[in-house]
Amino acid sequence: MQRLTLVLAALAVSAPVLAQDTSTTRPARRDRAEMAAKFAERFRAADKDGDGALTRAEAEVGMPRLARHFDEIDSTRTGRITQQQVGAFMAAHAGQRGTRPGPAASGPTS
C-alpha cells in the first residue's frame, strides 16, 4: 500500500514535467518506480527533523510545489504532511490537471 502511495505521489509531483511534451507516452513501469524512489528521497531530504512528515517550513524549503498546496494536502490539519497524504491528494486531483477550460470549452455560444 505504501509503495502504491509513493508511486502515485511521485507521478503526481512530476506530472507537470511529463505533461510538457504531449507527444510522449506514459513512462515505463521502471521509470515510474524510479520517479517514486526520487520523490521519496526528496521527501526524506526535506524532512529535516526525520519524523516522516513535512512541516510547512520544511516543505517551503525542500519541496516548494508541495508547499503551495500544503493546506489542501494537510487533510488532518496537523500542520504536517506525510507521503501518504501527498499521494492521496495527487490521486484525488489526477483528473483535474491540465483541464482548465478555455474559451472553446466554455459551452455553446448560441
N, C-alpha and C. Protein backbone atom coordinates (compact mmCIF):
# COMPACT_ATOMS: atom_id res chain seq x y z
N MET A 1 0.81 -1.19 0.00
CA MET A 1 0.00 0.00 0.00
C MET A 1 0.86 1.26 0.00
N GLN A 2 1.94 1.24 0.83
CA GLN A 2 2.81 2.40 0.90
C GLN A 2 3.54 2.62 -0.42
N ARG A 3 3.94 1.53 -1.07
CA ARG A 3 4.62 1.68 -2.37
C ARG A 3 3.69 2.31 -3.39
N LEU A 4 2.42 1.89 -3.40
CA LEU A 4 1.45 2.45 -4.34
C LEU A 4 1.30 3.94 -4.07
N THR A 5 1.22 4.32 -2.81
CA THR A 5 1.09 5.73 -2.46
C THR A 5 2.30 6.51 -2.93
N LEU A 6 3.49 5.94 -2.74
CA LEU A 6 4.71 6.62 -3.18
C LEU A 6 4.73 6.78 -4.69
N VAL A 7 4.32 5.75 -5.41
CA VAL A 7 4.29 5.82 -6.87
C VAL A 7 3.32 6.89 -7.32
N LEU A 8 2.12 6.91 -6.72
CA LEU A 8 1.13 7.92 -7.09
C LEU A 8 1.64 9.33 -6.78
N ALA A 9 2.26 9.48 -5.65
CA ALA A 9 2.78 10.79 -5.28
C ALA A 9 3.88 11.24 -6.24
N ALA A 10 4.77 10.34 -6.58
CA ALA A 10 5.86 10.70 -7.49
C ALA A 10 5.32 11.06 -8.87
N LEU A 11 4.35 10.30 -9.34
CA LEU A 11 3.76 10.61 -10.64
C LEU A 11 3.07 11.96 -10.63
N ALA A 12 2.36 12.21 -9.57
CA ALA A 12 1.62 13.46 -9.50
C ALA A 12 2.55 14.66 -9.40
N VAL A 13 3.59 14.54 -8.61
CA VAL A 13 4.53 15.64 -8.46
C VAL A 13 5.28 15.89 -9.76
N SER A 14 5.57 14.84 -10.51
CA SER A 14 6.32 15.00 -11.74
C SER A 14 5.42 15.22 -12.95
N ALA A 15 4.11 15.24 -12.77
CA ALA A 15 3.19 15.39 -13.89
C ALA A 15 3.45 16.65 -14.73
N PRO A 16 3.72 17.81 -14.12
CA PRO A 16 3.98 18.98 -14.96
C PRO A 16 5.17 18.78 -15.91
N VAL A 17 6.18 18.08 -15.47
CA VAL A 17 7.33 17.82 -16.32
C VAL A 17 6.94 16.88 -17.45
N LEU A 18 6.20 15.83 -17.12
CA LEU A 18 5.78 14.87 -18.13
C LEU A 18 4.78 15.48 -19.11
N ALA A 19 3.97 16.41 -18.65
CA ALA A 19 2.95 16.99 -19.50
C ALA A 19 3.51 18.00 -20.50
N GLN A 20 4.74 18.39 -20.37
CA GLN A 20 5.31 19.39 -21.27
C GLN A 20 5.39 18.87 -22.70
N ASP A 21 5.71 17.63 -22.90
CA ASP A 21 5.81 17.07 -24.24
C ASP A 21 4.64 16.12 -24.44
N THR A 22 3.60 16.60 -25.14
CA THR A 22 2.40 15.80 -25.30
C THR A 22 2.56 14.67 -26.30
N SER A 23 3.66 14.62 -27.02
CA SER A 23 3.86 13.55 -28.00
C SER A 23 4.43 12.29 -27.37
N THR A 24 4.82 12.36 -26.10
CA THR A 24 5.39 11.18 -25.46
C THR A 24 4.30 10.37 -24.78
N THR A 25 4.58 9.11 -24.57
CA THR A 25 3.64 8.25 -23.87
C THR A 25 3.99 8.23 -22.39
N ARG A 26 3.15 7.58 -21.61
CA ARG A 26 3.43 7.47 -20.17
C ARG A 26 4.75 6.75 -19.97
N PRO A 27 5.44 7.09 -18.89
CA PRO A 27 6.73 6.45 -18.64
C PRO A 27 6.55 4.95 -18.39
N ALA A 28 7.55 4.20 -18.71
CA ALA A 28 7.54 2.77 -18.47
C ALA A 28 7.49 2.51 -16.97
N ARG A 29 7.09 1.31 -16.60
CA ARG A 29 6.96 0.96 -15.20
C ARG A 29 8.27 1.21 -14.44
N ARG A 30 9.39 0.88 -15.05
CA ARG A 30 10.69 1.10 -14.42
C ARG A 30 10.90 2.59 -14.15
N ASP A 31 10.52 3.43 -15.12
CA ASP A 31 10.67 4.88 -14.95
C ASP A 31 9.78 5.39 -13.82
N ARG A 32 8.56 4.85 -13.70
CA ARG A 32 7.67 5.26 -12.62
C ARG A 32 8.26 4.89 -11.26
N ALA A 33 8.81 3.69 -11.18
CA ALA A 33 9.44 3.25 -9.93
C ALA A 33 10.62 4.15 -9.59
N GLU A 34 11.36 4.53 -10.60
CA GLU A 34 12.50 5.44 -10.40
C GLU A 34 12.02 6.80 -9.91
N MET A 35 10.94 7.31 -10.50
CA MET A 35 10.38 8.58 -10.07
C MET A 35 9.89 8.50 -8.63
N ALA A 36 9.26 7.38 -8.28
CA ALA A 36 8.77 7.20 -6.91
C ALA A 36 9.93 7.21 -5.93
N ALA A 37 11.01 6.55 -6.30
CA ALA A 37 12.18 6.50 -5.44
C ALA A 37 12.80 7.89 -5.29
N LYS A 38 12.84 8.65 -6.38
CA LYS A 38 13.39 10.02 -6.31
C LYS A 38 12.51 10.92 -5.45
N PHE A 39 11.19 10.75 -5.58
CA PHE A 39 10.28 11.54 -4.76
C PHE A 39 10.50 11.22 -3.28
N ALA A 40 10.57 9.93 -2.96
CA ALA A 40 10.78 9.52 -1.57
C ALA A 40 12.10 10.08 -1.03
N GLU A 41 13.11 10.07 -1.87
CA GLU A 41 14.42 10.61 -1.47
C GLU A 41 14.34 12.11 -1.21
N ARG A 42 13.66 12.84 -2.09
CA ARG A 42 13.50 14.29 -1.91
C ARG A 42 12.68 14.59 -0.65
N PHE A 43 11.64 13.78 -0.42
CA PHE A 43 10.81 13.98 0.76
C PHE A 43 11.65 13.78 2.02
N ARG A 44 12.43 12.69 2.05
CA ARG A 44 13.29 12.43 3.22
C ARG A 44 14.31 13.55 3.41
N ALA A 45 14.87 14.06 2.33
CA ALA A 45 15.84 15.15 2.42
C ALA A 45 15.19 16.43 2.96
N ALA A 46 13.95 16.68 2.57
CA ALA A 46 13.24 17.87 3.04
C ALA A 46 12.81 17.74 4.49
N ASP A 47 12.64 16.52 4.95
CA ASP A 47 12.20 16.23 6.32
C ASP A 47 13.39 16.37 7.27
N LYS A 48 13.73 17.58 7.60
CA LYS A 48 14.96 17.86 8.36
C LYS A 48 14.97 17.25 9.76
N ASP A 49 13.81 17.12 10.39
CA ASP A 49 13.82 16.53 11.73
C ASP A 49 13.62 15.02 11.72
N GLY A 50 13.43 14.44 10.52
CA GLY A 50 13.35 13.00 10.38
C GLY A 50 12.14 12.34 11.00
N ASP A 51 11.04 13.08 11.15
CA ASP A 51 9.86 12.50 11.78
C ASP A 51 8.89 11.85 10.78
N GLY A 52 9.26 11.84 9.50
CA GLY A 52 8.41 11.20 8.50
C GLY A 52 7.33 12.09 7.93
N ALA A 53 7.32 13.35 8.31
CA ALA A 53 6.33 14.31 7.82
C ALA A 53 7.02 15.65 7.60
N LEU A 54 6.42 16.47 6.74
CA LEU A 54 6.97 17.80 6.48
C LEU A 54 6.11 18.86 7.15
N THR A 55 6.75 19.77 7.83
CA THR A 55 6.06 20.96 8.30
C THR A 55 5.97 21.92 7.11
N ARG A 56 5.21 22.98 7.28
CA ARG A 56 5.12 23.97 6.19
C ARG A 56 6.50 24.54 5.89
N ALA A 57 7.28 24.83 6.92
CA ALA A 57 8.63 25.39 6.71
C ALA A 57 9.52 24.41 5.97
N GLU A 58 9.47 23.13 6.34
CA GLU A 58 10.28 22.13 5.64
C GLU A 58 9.85 22.02 4.18
N ALA A 59 8.55 22.05 3.94
CA ALA A 59 8.05 21.96 2.57
C ALA A 59 8.46 23.18 1.75
N GLU A 60 8.37 24.36 2.34
CA GLU A 60 8.74 25.59 1.62
C GLU A 60 10.20 25.56 1.18
N VAL A 61 11.06 25.03 2.02
CA VAL A 61 12.49 24.99 1.71
C VAL A 61 12.82 23.84 0.77
N GLY A 62 12.31 22.65 1.08
CA GLY A 62 12.74 21.45 0.35
C GLY A 62 11.85 21.01 -0.79
N MET A 63 10.56 21.36 -0.75
CA MET A 63 9.63 20.92 -1.79
C MET A 63 8.59 22.02 -2.01
N PRO A 64 8.99 23.11 -2.66
CA PRO A 64 8.11 24.28 -2.80
C PRO A 64 6.78 24.00 -3.51
N ARG A 65 6.76 23.05 -4.44
CA ARG A 65 5.48 22.74 -5.10
C ARG A 65 4.48 22.16 -4.11
N LEU A 66 4.96 21.33 -3.21
CA LEU A 66 4.08 20.80 -2.17
C LEU A 66 3.64 21.93 -1.23
N ALA A 67 4.54 22.83 -0.94
CA ALA A 67 4.22 23.93 -0.03
C ALA A 67 3.07 24.78 -0.57
N ARG A 68 3.01 24.93 -1.88
CA ARG A 68 1.92 25.72 -2.48
C ARG A 68 0.55 25.12 -2.23
N HIS A 69 0.50 23.82 -2.01
CA HIS A 69 -0.77 23.12 -1.79
C HIS A 69 -0.84 22.55 -0.37
N PHE A 70 -0.01 23.07 0.52
CA PHE A 70 0.13 22.49 1.86
C PHE A 70 -1.21 22.34 2.57
N ASP A 71 -2.01 23.40 2.61
CA ASP A 71 -3.28 23.34 3.33
C ASP A 71 -4.24 22.32 2.71
N GLU A 72 -4.19 22.16 1.41
CA GLU A 72 -5.04 21.17 0.75
C GLU A 72 -4.57 19.75 1.05
N ILE A 73 -3.27 19.56 1.11
CA ILE A 73 -2.70 18.23 1.36
C ILE A 73 -2.87 17.84 2.82
N ASP A 74 -2.76 18.79 3.73
CA ASP A 74 -2.86 18.53 5.16
C ASP A 74 -4.32 18.28 5.55
N SER A 75 -4.83 17.14 5.16
CA SER A 75 -6.24 16.81 5.37
C SER A 75 -6.60 16.65 6.85
N THR A 76 -5.63 16.35 7.69
CA THR A 76 -5.89 16.16 9.12
C THR A 76 -5.66 17.43 9.92
N ARG A 77 -5.23 18.48 9.27
CA ARG A 77 -5.00 19.79 9.89
C ARG A 77 -4.06 19.71 11.09
N THR A 78 -2.96 18.98 10.91
CA THR A 78 -1.97 18.84 11.97
C THR A 78 -0.79 19.78 11.79
N GLY A 79 -0.73 20.44 10.63
CA GLY A 79 0.43 21.28 10.35
C GLY A 79 1.60 20.49 9.83
N ARG A 80 1.36 19.23 9.47
CA ARG A 80 2.38 18.33 8.93
C ARG A 80 1.75 17.53 7.80
N ILE A 81 2.53 17.24 6.76
CA ILE A 81 2.03 16.38 5.69
C ILE A 81 2.94 15.17 5.53
N THR A 82 2.32 14.04 5.27
CA THR A 82 3.06 12.79 5.09
C THR A 82 3.06 12.42 3.61
N GLN A 83 3.90 11.47 3.26
CA GLN A 83 3.93 10.99 1.88
C GLN A 83 2.58 10.39 1.51
N GLN A 84 1.92 9.74 2.46
CA GLN A 84 0.61 9.16 2.18
C GLN A 84 -0.42 10.24 1.88
N GLN A 85 -0.37 11.36 2.60
CA GLN A 85 -1.29 12.45 2.32
C GLN A 85 -1.02 13.07 0.96
N VAL A 86 0.24 13.18 0.60
CA VAL A 86 0.60 13.71 -0.73
C VAL A 86 0.03 12.79 -1.80
N GLY A 87 0.20 11.49 -1.63
CA GLY A 87 -0.32 10.52 -2.60
C GLY A 87 -1.82 10.59 -2.72
N ALA A 88 -2.52 10.70 -1.60
CA ALA A 88 -3.98 10.80 -1.63
C ALA A 88 -4.43 12.08 -2.32
N PHE A 89 -3.74 13.18 -2.04
CA PHE A 89 -4.07 14.44 -2.68
C PHE A 89 -3.88 14.36 -4.20
N MET A 90 -2.75 13.79 -4.61
CA MET A 90 -2.47 13.71 -6.04
C MET A 90 -3.45 12.76 -6.74
N ALA A 91 -3.79 11.66 -6.10
CA ALA A 91 -4.76 10.73 -6.70
C ALA A 91 -6.12 11.40 -6.84
N ALA A 92 -6.52 12.16 -5.84
CA ALA A 92 -7.81 12.83 -5.88
C ALA A 92 -7.87 13.92 -6.95
N HIS A 93 -6.73 14.51 -7.27
CA HIS A 93 -6.70 15.61 -8.23
C HIS A 93 -6.10 15.22 -9.58
N ALA A 94 -5.85 13.95 -9.78
CA ALA A 94 -5.19 13.50 -11.01
C ALA A 94 -5.98 13.88 -12.26
N GLY A 95 -7.28 13.79 -12.24
CA GLY A 95 -8.09 14.12 -13.40
C GLY A 95 -8.25 15.60 -13.64
N GLN A 96 -7.87 16.41 -12.67
CA GLN A 96 -8.07 17.85 -12.78
C GLN A 96 -6.89 18.58 -13.40
N ARG A 97 -5.73 17.95 -13.47
CA ARG A 97 -4.56 18.62 -14.02
C ARG A 97 -4.76 18.89 -15.51
N GLY A 98 -4.47 20.09 -15.90
CA GLY A 98 -4.50 20.44 -17.31
C GLY A 98 -5.89 20.50 -17.91
N THR A 99 -6.92 20.62 -17.08
CA THR A 99 -8.28 20.62 -17.62
C THR A 99 -8.94 21.98 -17.48
N ARG A 100 -8.14 23.02 -17.34
CA ARG A 100 -8.71 24.36 -17.22
C ARG A 100 -9.43 24.70 -18.52
N PRO A 101 -10.71 25.00 -18.45
CA PRO A 101 -11.45 25.27 -19.69
C PRO A 101 -11.00 26.56 -20.34
N GLY A 102 -10.86 26.50 -21.64
CA GLY A 102 -10.55 27.68 -22.42
C GLY A 102 -11.81 28.23 -23.04
N PRO A 103 -11.70 29.24 -23.88
CA PRO A 103 -12.89 29.83 -24.49
C PRO A 103 -13.72 28.83 -25.28
N ALA A 104 -13.06 27.91 -25.98
CA ALA A 104 -13.80 26.95 -26.80
C ALA A 104 -14.50 25.91 -25.94
N ALA A 105 -14.02 25.69 -24.73
CA ALA A 105 -14.58 24.65 -23.87
C ALA A 105 -15.62 25.20 -22.90
N SER A 106 -15.96 26.45 -23.02
CA SER A 106 -16.85 27.05 -22.04
C SER A 106 -18.32 26.80 -22.30
N GLY A 107 -18.65 26.16 -23.39
CA GLY A 107 -20.04 25.81 -23.65
C GLY A 107 -20.54 26.44 -24.93
N PRO A 108 -21.79 26.14 -25.28
CA PRO A 108 -22.36 26.68 -26.53
C PRO A 108 -22.53 28.18 -26.48
N THR A 109 -22.38 28.80 -27.63
CA THR A 109 -22.49 30.26 -27.69
C THR A 109 -23.79 30.72 -28.30
N SER A 110 -24.65 29.82 -28.67
CA SER A 110 -25.90 30.24 -29.30
C SER A 110 -27.02 30.48 -28.33
